[in-house]
Amino acid sequence: MATKYLDCRNCGDMQDFRPLTDEEKAAVRTIVEVRYVHDYWRCTAVGCLRFQRWYAKGDGASLPEEFRVPAPPDPQE
């Protein structure tokens, strides 16, 4: 899967972003109220919900909580 290295406002630094899944696209359509969402990308950092256009970091928001990816279990525990 292709990724882009972008500045994530939620994480506060550069992160890999990936294209949205179909479920994420449906959620983004309701948040930004536009039909065309194929140019939005999702931050891949664990726990981050940020989505934004790859060319405009200010044009984005956070997905609903149910889209949060939990951190993997700590192998030391």
Protein backbone atom coordinates (compact mmCIF):
# COMPACT_ATOMS: atom_id res chain seq x y z
CA MET A 1 0.00 0.00 0.00
CA ALA A 2 1.32 3.42 -0.91
CA THR A 3 2.02 5.86 1.89
CA LYS A 4 2.92 9.53 2.11
CA TYR A 5 5.15 11.09 4.78
CA LEU A 6 3.14 14.08 6.05
CA ASP A 7 2.97 16.46 8.99
CA CYS A 8 0.25 15.19 11.35
CA ARG A 9 -1.43 17.89 13.44
CA ASN A 10 -2.65 15.31 15.98
CA CYS A 11 0.76 13.68 16.49
CA GLY A 12 2.74 16.92 16.25
CA ASP A 13 5.35 15.58 13.83
CA MET A 14 5.87 13.78 10.53
CA GLN A 15 4.06 10.44 10.12
CA ASP A 16 3.21 7.96 7.39
CA PHE A 17 -0.29 8.40 5.97
CA ARG A 18 -2.20 5.85 3.90
CA PRO A 19 -5.29 6.06 1.68
CA LEU A 20 -8.63 5.77 3.46
CA THR A 21 -10.55 2.50 3.59
CA ASP A 22 -14.13 2.44 2.28
CA GLU A 23 -15.49 2.60 5.86
CA GLU A 24 -13.25 5.58 6.64
CA LYS A 25 -14.35 7.33 3.42
CA ALA A 26 -18.00 6.98 4.47
CA ALA A 27 -17.21 8.51 7.88
CA VAL A 28 -15.15 11.33 6.34
CA ARG A 29 -18.03 12.22 3.99
CA THR A 30 -20.25 12.89 7.00
CA ILE A 31 -17.56 14.90 8.82
CA VAL A 32 -16.42 17.19 5.99
CA GLU A 33 -19.77 17.05 4.11
CA VAL A 34 -18.30 16.48 0.65
CA ARG A 35 -18.80 13.54 -1.71
CA TYR A 36 -15.28 13.32 -3.13
CA VAL A 37 -12.94 12.13 -0.40
CA HIS A 38 -10.39 10.15 -2.41
CA ASP A 39 -7.68 12.74 -1.78
CA TYR A 40 -7.87 12.36 2.02
CA TRP A 41 -5.28 10.19 3.75
CA ARG A 42 -5.16 8.62 7.24
CA CYS A 43 -2.30 8.84 9.73
CA THR A 44 -0.88 5.39 10.48
CA ALA A 45 0.53 6.21 13.94
CA VAL A 46 -0.85 3.92 16.64
CA GLY A 47 -3.86 5.54 18.28
CA CYS A 48 -4.09 8.49 15.86
CA LEU A 49 -7.43 9.33 14.22
CA ARG A 50 -6.22 12.13 11.93
CA PHE A 51 -7.24 12.33 8.29
CA GLN A 52 -6.31 15.12 5.92
CA ARG A 53 -5.69 15.90 2.31
CA TRP A 54 -2.14 14.99 1.34
CA TYR A 55 -1.51 18.49 -0.02
CA ALA A 56 -3.29 20.52 2.70
CA LYS A 57 -2.72 19.47 6.31
CA GLY A 58 -5.16 22.08 7.60
CA ASP A 59 -7.99 20.48 5.65
CA GLY A 60 -8.78 17.51 7.86
CA ALA A 61 -10.08 16.36 11.21
CA SER A 62 -10.27 13.26 13.38
CA LEU A 63 -12.25 10.13 12.66
CA PRO A 64 -14.75 8.90 15.26
CA GLU A 65 -13.37 6.93 18.19
CA GLU A 66 -14.45 3.55 16.77
CA PHE A 67 -11.72 3.93 14.12
CA ARG A 68 -8.90 4.15 16.68
CA VAL A 69 -6.30 1.41 16.29
CA PRO A 70 -5.16 0.22 19.72
CA ALA A 71 -1.50 -0.12 20.57
CA PRO A 72 -0.20 -3.68 20.27
CA PRO A 73 0.34 -5.51 23.57
CA ASP A 74 3.69 -5.01 25.22
CA PRO A 75 5.70 -8.26 24.81
CA GLN A 76 7.47 -7.51 28.12
CA GLU A 77 4.23 -7.87 30.10
